[in-house]
Amino acid sequence: MGAARRFAVLHHLDLFAYAGAFSSAAPQGGDWPPAKEGAPAFNGQVKLFWIACGKDDFLFDRNNKFIAELEKRGVGHEYKVSEGGHDWQVWRRYLSELAPRLFR
């Protein structure tokens, strides 16, 4: 399964309105629907697309490139950069920050 498929929200706007990605293997390039078709449908359906990554995570550069693509294409999102690497202690903090914002 390609990295773009891991972001289910990018391919199933009819099923998801909230999405969170913690230290993810973010898709690169334009192989995802909002990049190909434009951002209006995504921004109209998705209420929160929350992405977070630690500065010491081996996926930090990849996430930054993905964020640059989102911004370039006008895809709504929130990006949190934190201290830490690719581990559960970092993700646990992310979950405690994201969970209260879901399904408002």
PDB file of N, CA and C in Angstrom:
ATOM      1  N   MET A   1       0.851  -1.172   0.000  1.00  0.00           N
ATOM      2  CA  MET A   1       0.000   0.000   0.000  1.00  0.00           C
ATOM      3  C   MET A   1       0.895   1.233   0.000  1.00  0.00           C
ATOM      4  N   GLY A   2       0.676   2.133  -0.940  1.00  0.00           N
ATOM      5  CA  GLY A   2       1.472   3.342  -1.025  1.00  0.00           C
ATOM      6  C   GLY A   2       1.173   4.304   0.114  1.00  0.00           C
ATOM      7  N   ALA A   3       2.115   5.212   0.347  1.00  0.00           N
ATOM      8  CA  ALA A   3       1.952   6.169   1.450  1.00  0.00           C
ATOM      9  C   ALA A   3       0.680   6.994   1.303  1.00  0.00           C
ATOM     10  N   ALA A   4       0.321   7.362   0.077  1.00  0.00           N
ATOM     11  CA  ALA A   4      -0.882   8.170  -0.124  1.00  0.00           C
ATOM     12  C   ALA A   4      -2.126   7.427   0.332  1.00  0.00           C
ATOM     13  N   ARG A   5      -2.151   6.122   0.199  1.00  0.00           N
ATOM     14  CA  ARG A   5      -3.306   5.325   0.629  1.00  0.00           C
ATOM     15  C   ARG A   5      -3.421   5.277   2.144  1.00  0.00           C
ATOM     16  N   ARG A   6      -2.323   5.515   2.858  1.00  0.00           N
ATOM     17  CA  ARG A   6      -2.373   5.515   4.315  1.00  0.00           C
ATOM     18  C   ARG A   6      -3.175   6.692   4.841  1.00  0.00           C
ATOM     19  N   PHE A   7      -3.278   7.742   4.094  1.00  0.00           N
ATOM     20  CA  PHE A   7      -4.091   8.892   4.477  1.00  0.00           C
ATOM     21  C   PHE A   7      -5.475   8.686   3.893  1.00  0.00           C
ATOM     22  N   ALA A   8      -6.266   7.862   4.559  1.00  0.00           N
ATOM     23  CA  ALA A   8      -7.582   7.494   4.038  1.00  0.00           C
ATOM     24  C   ALA A   8      -8.444   8.713   3.771  1.00  0.00           C
ATOM     25  N   VAL A   9      -8.316   9.745   4.591  1.00  0.00           N
ATOM     26  CA  VAL A   9      -9.133  10.948   4.410  1.00  0.00           C
ATOM     27  C   VAL A   9      -8.911  11.565   3.034  1.00  0.00           C
ATOM     28  N   LEU A  10      -7.727  11.432   2.476  1.00  0.00           N
ATOM     29  CA  LEU A  10      -7.439  12.021   1.173  1.00  0.00           C
ATOM     30  C   LEU A  10      -8.191  11.332   0.045  1.00  0.00           C
ATOM     31  N   HIS A  11      -8.631  10.112   0.286  1.00  0.00           N
ATOM     32  CA  HIS A  11      -9.301   9.335  -0.758  1.00  0.00           C
ATOM     33  C   HIS A  11     -10.765   9.050  -0.482  1.00  0.00           C
ATOM     34  N   HIS A  12     -11.232   9.377   0.706  1.00  0.00           N
ATOM     35  CA  HIS A  12     -12.606   9.050   1.081  1.00  0.00           C
ATOM     36  C   HIS A  12     -13.268  10.224   1.798  1.00  0.00           C
ATOM     37  N   LEU A  13     -13.424  11.306   1.078  1.00  0.00           N
ATOM     38  CA  LEU A  13     -14.035  12.497   1.678  1.00  0.00           C
ATOM     39  C   LEU A  13     -15.458  12.234   2.146  1.00  0.00           C
ATOM     40  N   ASP A  14     -16.091  11.233   1.566  1.00  0.00           N
ATOM     41  CA  ASP A  14     -17.457  10.906   1.949  1.00  0.00           C
ATOM     42  C   ASP A  14     -17.521  10.196   3.307  1.00  0.00           C
ATOM     43  N   LEU A  15     -16.390   9.721   3.819  1.00  0.00           N
ATOM     44  CA  LEU A  15     -16.381   8.965   5.067  1.00  0.00           C
ATOM     45  C   LEU A  15     -15.752   9.696   6.253  1.00  0.00           C
ATOM     46  N   PHE A  16     -14.885  10.666   5.986  1.00  0.00           N
ATOM     47  CA  PHE A  16     -14.122  11.282   7.068  1.00  0.00           C
ATOM     48  C   PHE A  16     -14.289  12.791   7.076  1.00  0.00           C
ATOM     49  N   ALA A  17     -14.500  13.345   8.264  1.00  0.00           N
ATOM     50  CA  ALA A  17     -14.523  14.798   8.430  1.00  0.00           C
ATOM     51  C   ALA A  17     -13.419  15.264   9.361  1.00  0.00           C
ATOM     52  N   TYR A  18     -12.823  14.324  10.098  1.00  0.00           N
ATOM     53  CA  TYR A  18     -11.733  14.623  11.023  1.00  0.00           C
ATOM     54  C   TYR A  18     -10.625  13.608  10.790  1.00  0.00           C
ATOM     55  N   ALA A  19      -9.377  14.074  10.780  1.00  0.00           N
ATOM     56  CA  ALA A  19      -8.250  13.165  10.599  1.00  0.00           C
ATOM     57  C   ALA A  19      -7.049  13.688  11.356  1.00  0.00           C
ATOM     58  N   GLY A  20      -6.312  12.774  11.935  1.00  0.00           N
ATOM     59  CA  GLY A  20      -5.075  13.109  12.622  1.00  0.00           C
ATOM     60  C   GLY A  20      -3.968  12.199  12.147  1.00  0.00           C
ATOM     61  N   ALA A  21      -2.790  12.753  11.975  1.00  0.00           N
ATOM     62  CA  ALA A  21      -1.627  11.984  11.542  1.00  0.00           C
ATOM     63  C   ALA A  21      -0.471  12.308  12.476  1.00  0.00           C
ATOM     64  N   PHE A  22       0.064  11.278  13.076  1.00  0.00           N
ATOM     65  CA  PHE A  22       1.154  11.443  14.031  1.00  0.00           C
ATOM     66  C   PHE A  22       2.412  10.824  13.434  1.00  0.00           C
ATOM     67  N   SER A  23       3.435  11.642  13.181  1.00  0.00           N
ATOM     68  CA  SER A  23       4.720  11.149  12.678  1.00  0.00           C
ATOM     69  C   SER A  23       4.519  10.229  11.475  1.00  0.00           C
ATOM     70  N   SER A  24       3.759  10.681  10.532  1.00  0.00           N
ATOM     71  CA  SER A  24       3.326   9.800   9.452  1.00  0.00           C
ATOM     72  C   SER A  24       4.304   9.752   8.282  1.00  0.00           C
ATOM     73  N   ALA A  25       4.177   8.684   7.513  1.00  0.00           N
ATOM     74  CA  ALA A  25       4.887   8.561   6.249  1.00  0.00           C
ATOM     75  C   ALA A  25       4.039   9.286   5.208  1.00  0.00           C
ATOM     76  N   ALA A  26       4.067  10.596   5.277  1.00  0.00           N
ATOM     77  CA  ALA A  26       3.205  11.447   4.459  1.00  0.00           C
ATOM     78  C   ALA A  26       3.449  11.241   2.973  1.00  0.00           C
ATOM     79  N   PRO A  27       2.390  11.334   2.171  1.00  0.00           N
ATOM     80  CA  PRO A  27       2.562  11.196   0.725  1.00  0.00           C
ATOM     81  C   PRO A  27       3.433  12.313   0.162  1.00  0.00           C
ATOM     82  N   GLN A  28       4.158  11.992  -0.865  1.00  0.00           N
ATOM     83  CA  GLN A  28       5.025  12.965  -1.514  1.00  0.00           C
ATOM     84  C   GLN A  28       4.548  13.167  -2.945  1.00  0.00           C
ATOM     85  N   GLY A  29       4.749  14.346  -3.460  1.00  0.00           N
ATOM     86  CA  GLY A  29       4.318  14.637  -4.821  1.00  0.00           C
ATOM     87  C   GLY A  29       2.827  14.872  -4.879  1.00  0.00           C
ATOM     88  N   GLY A  30       2.245  14.647  -6.033  1.00  0.00           N
ATOM     89  CA  GLY A  30       0.836  14.957  -6.234  1.00  0.00           C
ATOM     90  C   GLY A  30      -0.048  13.755  -6.405  1.00  0.00           C
ATOM     91  N   ASP A  31       0.316  12.627  -5.814  1.00  0.00           N
ATOM     92  CA  ASP A  31      -0.460  11.408  -5.994  1.00  0.00           C
ATOM     93  C   ASP A  31      -1.538  11.250  -4.931  1.00  0.00           C
ATOM     94  N   TRP A  32      -2.404  12.259  -4.818  1.00  0.00           N
ATOM     95  CA  TRP A  32      -3.537  12.201  -3.897  1.00  0.00           C
ATOM     96  C   TRP A  32      -4.583  13.173  -4.415  1.00  0.00           C
ATOM     97  N   PRO A  33      -5.859  12.871  -4.226  1.00  0.00           N
ATOM     98  CA  PRO A  33      -6.936  13.630  -4.875  1.00  0.00           C
ATOM     99  C   PRO A  33      -6.916  15.138  -4.695  1.00  0.00           C
ATOM    100  N   PRO A  34      -6.733  15.713  -3.503  1.00  0.00           N
ATOM    101  CA  PRO A  34      -6.738  17.178  -3.438  1.00  0.00           C
ATOM    102  C   PRO A  34      -5.630  17.816  -4.285  1.00  0.00           C
ATOM    103  N   ALA A  35      -4.516  17.109  -4.446  1.00  0.00           N
ATOM    104  CA  ALA A  35      -3.430  17.649  -5.269  1.00  0.00           C
ATOM    105  C   ALA A  35      -3.807  17.612  -6.737  1.00  0.00           C
ATOM    106  N   LYS A  36      -4.517  16.571  -7.142  1.00  0.00           N
ATOM    107  CA  LYS A  36      -4.899  16.418  -8.546  1.00  0.00           C
ATOM    108  C   LYS A  36      -6.120  17.248  -8.909  1.00  0.00           C
ATOM    109  N   GLU A  37      -7.097  17.279  -8.025  1.00  0.00           N
ATOM    110  CA  GLU A  37      -8.398  17.869  -8.352  1.00  0.00           C
ATOM    111  C   GLU A  37      -8.642  19.229  -7.713  1.00  0.00           C
ATOM    112  N   GLY A  38      -7.758  19.659  -6.837  1.00  0.00           N
ATOM    113  CA  GLY A  38      -7.941  20.928  -6.153  1.00  0.00           C
ATOM    114  C   GLY A  38      -8.477  20.736  -4.750  1.00  0.00           C
ATOM    115  N   ALA A  39      -8.374  21.777  -3.971  1.00  0.00           N
ATOM    116  CA  ALA A  39      -8.689  21.709  -2.550  1.00  0.00           C
ATOM    117  C   ALA A  39     -10.142  21.983  -2.164  1.00  0.00           C
ATOM    118  N   PRO A  40     -10.983  22.603  -2.987  1.00  0.00           N
ATOM    119  CA  PRO A  40     -12.308  22.997  -2.504  1.00  0.00           C
ATOM    120  C   PRO A  40     -13.155  21.865  -1.925  1.00  0.00           C
ATOM    121  N   ALA A  41     -13.178  20.717  -2.560  1.00  0.00           N
ATOM    122  CA  ALA A  41     -13.987  19.617  -2.028  1.00  0.00           C
ATOM    123  C   ALA A  41     -13.437  19.144  -0.686  1.00  0.00           C
ATOM    124  N   PHE A  42     -12.135  19.035  -0.594  1.00  0.00           N
ATOM    125  CA  PHE A  42     -11.501  18.616   0.657  1.00  0.00           C
ATOM    126  C   PHE A  42     -11.813  19.618   1.765  1.00  0.00           C
ATOM    127  N   ASN A  43     -11.589  20.881   1.495  1.00  0.00           N
ATOM    128  CA  ASN A  43     -11.801  21.911   2.509  1.00  0.00           C
ATOM    129  C   ASN A  43     -13.268  22.033   2.904  1.00  0.00           C
ATOM    130  N   GLY A  44     -14.172  21.709   1.995  1.00  0.00           N
ATOM    131  CA  GLY A  44     -15.597  21.769   2.306  1.00  0.00           C
ATOM    132  C   GLY A  44     -16.072  20.614   3.163  1.00  0.00           C
ATOM    133  N   GLN A  45     -15.398  19.487   3.066  1.00  0.00           N
ATOM    134  CA  GLN A  45     -15.820  18.291   3.797  1.00  0.00           C
ATOM    135  C   GLN A  45     -15.051  18.075   5.095  1.00  0.00           C
ATOM    136  N   VAL A  46     -13.752  18.260   5.061  1.00  0.00           N
ATOM    137  CA  VAL A  46     -12.908  17.924   6.211  1.00  0.00           C
ATOM    138  C   VAL A  46     -12.864  19.103   7.176  1.00  0.00           C
ATOM    139  N   LYS A  47     -13.338  18.861   8.375  1.00  0.00           N
ATOM    140  CA  LYS A  47     -13.393  19.912   9.389  1.00  0.00           C
ATOM    141  C   LYS A  47     -12.063  20.091  10.110  1.00  0.00           C
ATOM    142  N   LEU A  48     -11.282  19.018  10.222  1.00  0.00           N
ATOM    143  CA  LEU A  48      -9.985  19.093  10.879  1.00  0.00           C
ATOM    144  C   LEU A  48      -9.046  18.062  10.275  1.00  0.00           C
ATOM    145  N   PHE A  49      -7.942  18.526   9.737  1.00  0.00           N
ATOM    146  CA  PHE A  49      -6.867  17.669   9.242  1.00  0.00           C
ATOM    147  C   PHE A  49      -5.631  18.083  10.033  1.00  0.00           C
ATOM    148  N   TRP A  50      -5.340  17.334  11.079  1.00  0.00           N
ATOM    149  CA  TRP A  50      -4.335  17.690  12.075  1.00  0.00           C
ATOM    150  C   TRP A  50      -3.127  16.781  11.900  1.00  0.00           C
ATOM    151  N   ILE A  51      -1.978  17.373  11.677  1.00  0.00           N
ATOM    152  CA  ILE A  51      -0.754  16.633  11.418  1.00  0.00           C
ATOM    153  C   ILE A  51       0.290  17.090  12.428  1.00  0.00           C
ATOM    154  N   ALA A  52       1.018  16.152  13.013  1.00  0.00           N
ATOM    155  CA  ALA A  52       2.038  16.495  13.994  1.00  0.00           C
ATOM    156  C   ALA A  52       3.265  15.608  13.816  1.00  0.00           C
ATOM    157  N   CYS A  53       4.421  16.205  14.069  1.00  0.00           N
ATOM    158  CA  CYS A  53       5.663  15.456  13.943  1.00  0.00           C
ATOM    159  C   CYS A  53       6.719  16.096  14.833  1.00  0.00           C
ATOM    160  N   GLY A  54       7.547  15.264  15.437  1.00  0.00           N
ATOM    161  CA  GLY A  54       8.628  15.747  16.286  1.00  0.00           C
ATOM    162  C   GLY A  54       9.844  16.146  15.469  1.00  0.00           C
ATOM    163  N   LYS A  55      10.584  17.111  15.982  1.00  0.00           N
ATOM    164  CA  LYS A  55      11.778  17.616  15.289  1.00  0.00           C
ATOM    165  C   LYS A  55      12.855  16.549  15.119  1.00  0.00           C
ATOM    166  N   ASP A  56      12.868  15.556  16.003  1.00  0.00           N
ATOM    167  CA  ASP A  56      13.880  14.506  15.936  1.00  0.00           C
ATOM    168  C   ASP A  56      13.380  13.240  15.245  1.00  0.00           C
ATOM    169  N   ASP A  57      12.179  13.280  14.714  1.00  0.00           N
ATOM    170  CA  ASP A  57      11.598  12.135  14.022  1.00  0.00           C
ATOM    171  C   ASP A  57      12.288  11.958  12.671  1.00  0.00           C
ATOM    172  N   PHE A  58      12.570  10.718  12.298  1.00  0.00           N
ATOM    173  CA  PHE A  58      13.198  10.478  11.001  1.00  0.00           C
ATOM    174  C   PHE A  58      12.276  10.849   9.842  1.00  0.00           C
ATOM    175  N   LEU A  59      10.992  11.060  10.104  1.00  0.00           N
ATOM    176  CA  LEU A  59      10.037  11.463   9.073  1.00  0.00           C
ATOM    177  C   LEU A  59       9.764  12.973   9.071  1.00  0.00           C
ATOM    178  N   PHE A  60      10.503  13.726   9.854  1.00  0.00           N
ATOM    179  CA  PHE A  60      10.269  15.161   9.973  1.00  0.00           C
ATOM    180  C   PHE A  60      10.385  15.882   8.626  1.00  0.00           C
ATOM    181  N   ASP A  61      11.436  15.635   7.877  1.00  0.00           N
ATOM    182  CA  ASP A  61      11.595  16.296   6.575  1.00  0.00           C
ATOM    183  C   ASP A  61      10.465  15.920   5.618  1.00  0.00           C
ATOM    184  N   ARG A  62      10.090  14.662   5.639  1.00  0.00           N
ATOM    185  CA  ARG A  62       8.996  14.207   4.769  1.00  0.00           C
ATOM    186  C   ARG A  62       7.686  14.914   5.122  1.00  0.00           C
ATOM    187  N   ASN A  63       7.406  15.068   6.410  1.00  0.00           N
ATOM    188  CA  ASN A  63       6.201  15.776   6.831  1.00  0.00           C
ATOM    189  C   ASN A  63       6.259  17.242   6.428  1.00  0.00           C
ATOM    190  N   ASN A  64       7.414  17.865   6.566  1.00  0.00           N
ATOM    191  CA  ASN A  64       7.559  19.265   6.152  1.00  0.00           C
ATOM    192  C   ASN A  64       7.309  19.441   4.664  1.00  0.00           C
ATOM    193  N   LYS A  65       7.774  18.507   3.846  1.00  0.00           N
ATOM    194  CA  LYS A  65       7.520  18.571   2.401  1.00  0.00           C
ATOM    195  C   LYS A  65       6.025  18.436   2.110  1.00  0.00           C
ATOM    196  N   PHE A  66       5.364  17.534   2.830  1.00  0.00           N
ATOM    197  CA  PHE A  66       3.925  17.351   2.649  1.00  0.00           C
ATOM    198  C   PHE A  66       3.172  18.619   3.043  1.00  0.00           C
ATOM    199  N   ILE A  67       3.549  19.222   4.144  1.00  0.00           N
ATOM    200  CA  ILE A  67       2.914  20.461   4.594  1.00  0.00           C
ATOM    201  C   ILE A  67       3.105  21.556   3.550  1.00  0.00           C
ATOM    202  N   ALA A  68       4.287  21.636   2.967  1.00  0.00           N
ATOM    203  CA  ALA A  68       4.539  22.631   1.914  1.00  0.00           C
ATOM    204  C   ALA A  68       3.608  22.403   0.729  1.00  0.00           C
ATOM    205  N   GLU A  69       3.359  21.147   0.370  1.00  0.00           N
ATOM    206  CA  GLU A  69       2.427  20.825  -0.720  1.00  0.00           C
ATOM    207  C   GLU A  69       1.003  21.229  -0.354  1.00  0.00           C
ATOM    208  N   LEU A  70       0.594  20.928   0.869  1.00  0.00           N
ATOM    209  CA  LEU A  70      -0.746  21.308   1.310  1.00  0.00           C
ATOM    210  C   LEU A  70      -0.921  22.821   1.225  1.00  0.00           C
ATOM    211  N   GLU A  71       0.056  23.543   1.706  1.00  0.00           N
ATOM    212  CA  GLU A  71      -0.028  25.006   1.686  1.00  0.00           C
ATOM    213  C   GLU A  71      -0.030  25.544   0.262  1.00  0.00           C
ATOM    214  N   LYS A  72       0.807  24.990  -0.582  1.00  0.00           N
ATOM    215  CA  LYS A  72       0.878  25.415  -1.983  1.00  0.00           C
ATOM    216  C   LYS A  72      -0.464  25.231  -2.686  1.00  0.00           C
ATOM    217  N   ARG A  73      -1.149  24.162  -2.351  1.00  0.00           N
ATOM    218  CA  ARG A  73      -2.403  23.825  -3.033  1.00  0.00           C
ATOM    219  C   ARG A  73      -3.649  24.322  -2.296  1.00  0.00           C
ATOM    220  N   GLY A  74      -3.460  24.957  -1.155  1.00  0.00           N
ATOM    221  CA  GLY A  74      -4.600  25.509  -0.422  1.00  0.00           C
ATOM    222  C   GLY A  74      -5.433  24.486   0.312  1.00  0.00           C
ATOM    223  N   VAL A  75      -4.841  23.348   0.661  1.00  0.00           N
ATOM    224  CA  VAL A  75      -5.552  22.300   1.390  1.00  0.00           C
ATOM    225  C   VAL A  75      -5.507  22.637   2.871  1.00  0.00           C
ATOM    226  N   GLY A  76      -6.680  22.758   3.490  1.00  0.00           N
ATOM    227  CA  GLY A  76      -6.770  23.105   4.895  1.00  0.00           C
ATOM    228  C   GLY A  76      -6.151  22.058   5.801  1.00  0.00           C
ATOM    229  N   HIS A  77      -5.401  22.516   6.787  1.00  0.00           N
ATOM    230  CA  HIS A  77      -4.737  21.614   7.718  1.00  0.00           C
ATOM    231  C   HIS A  77      -4.215  22.412   8.911  1.00  0.00           C
ATOM    232  N   GLU A  78      -3.835  21.702   9.939  1.00  0.00           N
ATOM    233  CA  GLU A  78      -3.094  22.265  11.064  1.00  0.00           C
ATOM    234  C   GLU A  78      -1.850  21.408  11.230  1.00  0.00           C
ATOM    235  N   TYR A  79      -0.721  22.046  11.465  1.00  0.00           N
ATOM    236  CA  TYR A  79       0.539  21.318  11.610  1.00  0.00           C
ATOM    237  C   TYR A  79       1.193  21.695  12.920  1.00  0.00           C
ATOM    238  N   LYS A  80       1.480  20.691  13.711  1.00  0.00           N
ATOM    239  CA  LYS A  80       2.153  20.880  14.994  1.00  0.00           C
ATOM    240  C   LYS A  80       3.536  20.260  14.911  1.00  0.00           C
ATOM    241  N   VAL A  81       4.533  21.052  15.227  1.00  0.00           N
ATOM    242  CA  VAL A  81       5.907  20.574  15.350  1.00  0.00           C
ATOM    243  C   VAL A  81       6.230  20.568  16.835  1.00  0.00           C
ATOM    244  N   SER A  82       6.770  19.457  17.298  1.00  0.00           N
ATOM    245  CA  SER A  82       7.068  19.331  18.722  1.00  0.00           C
ATOM    246  C   SER A  82       8.496  18.843  18.917  1.00  0.00           C
ATOM    247  N   GLU A  83       8.889  18.807  20.150  1.00  0.00           N
ATOM    248  CA  GLU A  83      10.144  18.153  20.513  1.00  0.00           C
ATOM    249  C   GLU A  83       9.896  16.653  20.459  1.00  0.00           C
ATOM    250  N   GLY A  84      10.938  15.881  20.271  1.00  0.00           N
ATOM    251  CA  GLY A  84      10.810  14.429  20.332  1.00  0.00           C
ATOM    252  C   GLY A  84      10.984  13.753  18.992  1.00  0.00           C
ATOM    253  N   GLY A  85      11.001  12.428  19.075  1.00  0.00           N
ATOM    254  CA  GLY A  85      11.225  11.601  17.899  1.00  0.00           C
ATOM    255  C   GLY A  85      10.017  10.761  17.546  1.00  0.00           C
ATOM    256  N   HIS A  86      10.298   9.599  16.991  1.00  0.00           N
ATOM    257  CA  HIS A  86       9.276   8.695  16.475  1.00  0.00           C
ATOM    258  C   HIS A  86       8.966   7.651  17.549  1.00  0.00           C
ATOM    259  N   ASP A  87       8.212   8.047  18.575  1.00  0.00           N
ATOM    260  CA  ASP A  87       7.917   7.097  19.642  1.00  0.00           C
ATOM    261  C   ASP A  87       6.583   7.387  20.309  1.00  0.00           C
ATOM    262  N   TRP A  88       6.113   6.410  21.072  1.00  0.00           N
ATOM    263  CA  TRP A  88       4.774   6.451  21.654  1.00  0.00           C
ATOM    264  C   TRP A  88       4.584   7.588  22.645  1.00  0.00           C
ATOM    265  N   GLN A  89       5.658   8.015  23.320  1.00  0.00           N
ATOM    266  CA  GLN A  89       5.501   9.109  24.274  1.00  0.00           C
ATOM    267  C   GLN A  89       5.107  10.404  23.571  1.00  0.00           C
ATOM    268  N   VAL A  90       5.648  10.622  22.399  1.00  0.00           N
ATOM    269  CA  VAL A  90       5.291  11.798  21.593  1.00  0.00           C
ATOM    270  C   VAL A  90       3.862  11.651  21.099  1.00  0.00           C
ATOM    271  N   TRP A  91       3.503  10.494  20.588  1.00  0.00           N
ATOM    272  CA  TRP A  91       2.159  10.264  20.043  1.00  0.00           C
ATOM    273  C   TRP A  91       1.097  10.340  21.138  1.00  0.00           C
ATOM    274  N   ARG A  92       1.445   9.923  22.333  1.00  0.00           N
ATOM    275  CA  ARG A  92       0.504  10.009  23.445  1.00  0.00           C
ATOM    276  C   ARG A  92       0.139  11.460  23.736  1.00  0.00           C
ATOM    277  N   ARG A  93       1.117  12.344  23.672  1.00  0.00           N
ATOM    278  CA  ARG A  93       0.840  13.769  23.855  1.00  0.00           C
ATOM    279  C   ARG A  93      -0.033  14.290  22.716  1.00  0.00           C
ATOM    280  N   TYR A  94       0.269  13.845  21.492  1.00  0.00           N
ATOM    281  CA  TYR A  94      -0.542  14.279  20.346  1.00  0.00           C
ATOM    282  C   TYR A  94      -1.990  13.839  20.518  1.00  0.00           C
ATOM    283  N   LEU A  95      -2.188  12.607  20.930  1.00  0.00           N
ATOM    284  CA  LEU A  95      -3.551  12.104  21.094  1.00  0.00           C
ATOM    285  C   LEU A  95      -4.307  12.907  22.145  1.00  0.00           C
ATOM    286  N   SER A  96      -3.639  13.247  23.233  1.00  0.00           N
ATOM    287  CA  SER A  96      -4.329  14.016  24.274  1.00  0.00           C
ATOM    288  C   SER A  96      -4.668  15.429  23.801  1.00  0.00           C
ATOM    289  N   GLU A  97      -3.923  15.940  22.847  1.00  0.00           N
ATOM    290  CA  GLU A  97      -4.229  17.255  22.285  1.00  0.00           C
ATOM    291  C   GLU A  97      -5.317  17.179  21.215  1.00  0.00           C
ATOM    292  N   LEU A  98      -5.278  16.142  20.405  1.00  0.00           N
ATOM    293  CA  LEU A  98      -6.227  16.009  19.298  1.00  0.00           C
ATOM    294  C   LEU A  98      -7.602  15.515  19.747  1.00  0.00           C
ATOM    295  N   ALA A  99      -7.644  14.528  20.611  1.00  0.00           N
ATOM    296  CA  ALA A  99      -8.912  13.874  20.966  1.00  0.00           C
ATOM    297  C   ALA A  99     -10.029  14.828  21.388  1.00  0.00           C
ATOM    298  N   PRO A 100      -9.753  15.827  22.222  1.00  0.00           N
ATOM    299  CA  PRO A 100     -10.860  16.727  22.618  1.00  0.00           C
ATOM    300  C   PRO A 100     -11.423  17.560  21.473  1.00  0.00           C
ATOM    301  N   ARG A 101     -10.701  17.627  20.366  1.00  0.00           N
ATOM    302  CA  ARG A 101     -11.157  18.443  19.237  1.00  0.00           C
ATOM    303  C   ARG A 101     -11.986  17.663  18.221  1.00  0.00           C
ATOM    304  N   LEU A 102     -12.073  16.369  18.407  1.00  0.00           N
ATOM    305  CA  LEU A 102     -12.791  15.532  17.448  1.00  0.00           C
ATOM    306  C   LEU A 102     -14.297  15.610  17.642  1.00  0.00           C
ATOM    307  N   PHE A 103     -15.008  15.587  16.548  1.00  0.00           N
ATOM    308  CA  PHE A 103     -16.464  15.454  16.528  1.00  0.00           C
ATOM    309  C   PHE A 103     -17.194  16.578  17.262  1.00  0.00           C
ATOM    310  N   ARG A 104     -16.705  17.774  17.111  1.00  0.00           N
ATOM    311  CA  ARG A 104     -17.371  18.930  17.727  1.00  0.00           C
ATOM    312  C   ARG A 104     -18.559  19.349  16.925  1.00  0.00           C
TER     313      ARG A 104
END
